[in-house]
Amino acid sequence: MISLRKDLSHRLKAMPDLGFYPESWQIDNALTDSAGFAKEHKHDISQLIDIADLQLQEFAAVKQQLKEALQSSKQWQRYWALISLSHFNH
């Protein structure tokens, strides 16, 4: 199962998947050139995927990473940290 998850994560990062940004934000920021936007923000999207994947681990193991993401200056890192944190009911 871990291998499949790693494969999926790798594939999402290779795309890169704009689904890690809310659609309402994409309309204003990525709609005119989605492919170009995705290519330009590939590293940022990869980081969002990593933060989203934290919810797949034990809370104690990822607590510090979530705390750091919640303190990020990047709004979408904070957003995905909150989504991941909500998975743990904290």
Protein backbone atom coordinates (compact mmCIF):
# COMPACT_ATOMS: atom_id res chain seq x y z
CA MET A 1 0.00 0.00 0.00
CA ILE A 2 2.84 2.38 0.82
CA SER A 3 4.30 1.82 -2.63
CA LEU A 4 0.99 2.69 -4.30
CA ARG A 5 0.71 5.87 -2.22
CA LYS A 6 4.23 6.90 -3.19
CA ASP A 7 3.42 6.25 -6.85
CA LEU A 8 0.28 8.37 -6.62
CA SER A 9 2.13 11.20 -4.89
CA HIS A 10 4.86 11.08 -7.53
CA ARG A 11 2.28 11.19 -10.32
CA LEU A 12 0.42 14.14 -8.76
CA LYS A 13 3.67 16.04 -8.39
CA ALA A 14 4.66 15.27 -11.99
CA MET A 15 1.37 16.56 -13.41
CA PRO A 16 1.34 18.97 -11.36
CA ASP A 17 -2.22 18.80 -10.04
CA LEU A 18 -3.93 22.19 -9.71
CA GLY A 19 -6.59 20.55 -7.55
CA PHE A 20 -4.57 21.58 -4.52
CA TYR A 21 -5.75 25.15 -5.06
CA PRO A 22 -9.41 26.06 -4.46
CA GLU A 23 -11.35 26.46 -7.72
CA SER A 24 -12.48 29.97 -6.83
CA TRP A 25 -8.84 31.03 -6.48
CA GLN A 26 -7.87 29.24 -9.70
CA ILE A 27 -10.45 31.24 -11.65
CA ASP A 28 -8.75 34.47 -10.66
CA ASN A 29 -5.16 33.26 -10.86
CA ALA A 30 -4.71 30.28 -13.17
CA LEU A 31 -7.62 30.15 -15.58
CA THR A 32 -6.05 31.93 -18.55
CA ASP A 33 -3.04 29.57 -18.72
CA SER A 34 -3.58 26.58 -16.44
CA ALA A 35 -0.72 24.54 -17.88
CA GLY A 36 1.72 27.43 -17.62
CA PHE A 37 0.57 28.22 -14.11
CA ALA A 38 0.97 24.59 -13.06
CA LYS A 39 4.46 24.41 -14.54
CA GLU A 40 5.48 27.68 -12.89
CA HIS A 41 4.15 26.56 -9.49
CA LYS A 42 5.25 22.91 -9.63
CA HIS A 43 7.46 23.22 -6.54
CA ASP A 44 4.70 24.93 -4.53
CA ILE A 45 2.18 22.25 -5.54
CA SER A 46 4.64 19.55 -4.51
CA GLN A 47 4.87 21.14 -1.06
CA LEU A 48 1.06 21.25 -0.81
CA ILE A 49 0.87 17.56 -1.66
CA ASP A 50 3.40 16.79 1.05
CA ILE A 51 1.37 18.75 3.60
CA ALA A 52 -1.86 17.05 2.53
CA ASP A 53 -0.17 13.66 2.85
CA LEU A 54 0.66 14.33 6.51
CA GLN A 55 -2.86 13.24 7.42
CA LEU A 56 -1.92 9.71 6.34
CA GLN A 57 0.50 9.36 9.24
CA GLU A 58 0.15 9.26 13.01
CA PHE A 59 -0.49 12.69 14.53
CA ALA A 60 2.44 12.47 16.94
CA ALA A 61 4.80 11.85 14.01
CA VAL A 62 3.65 14.90 12.02
CA LYS A 63 2.63 17.36 14.73
CA GLN A 64 5.75 19.53 14.30
CA GLN A 65 5.45 19.59 10.50
CA LEU A 66 1.82 20.67 10.78
CA LYS A 67 2.77 23.38 13.25
CA GLU A 68 5.42 24.69 10.85
CA ALA A 69 2.99 24.64 7.92
CA LEU A 70 0.41 26.53 10.01
CA GLN A 71 3.01 29.25 10.56
CA SER A 72 4.01 29.47 6.90
CA SER A 73 3.84 32.78 5.09
CA LYS A 74 2.21 30.91 2.19
CA GLN A 75 -1.57 30.84 2.52
CA TRP A 76 -2.09 27.53 0.75
CA GLN A 77 0.39 25.76 3.00
CA ARG A 78 -1.60 27.04 5.98
CA TYR A 79 -4.81 25.95 4.25
CA TRP A 80 -3.61 22.37 3.69
CA ALA A 81 -2.19 22.22 7.20
CA LEU A 82 -5.66 23.06 8.50
CA ILE A 83 -7.25 20.45 6.25
CA SER A 84 -4.77 17.84 7.45
CA LEU A 85 -5.17 18.89 11.06
CA SER A 86 -8.95 18.60 10.80
CA HIS A 87 -8.44 14.93 9.88
CA PHE A 88 -7.00 14.39 13.35
CA ASN A 89 -9.88 16.24 15.06
CA HIS A 90 -7.46 18.72 16.67
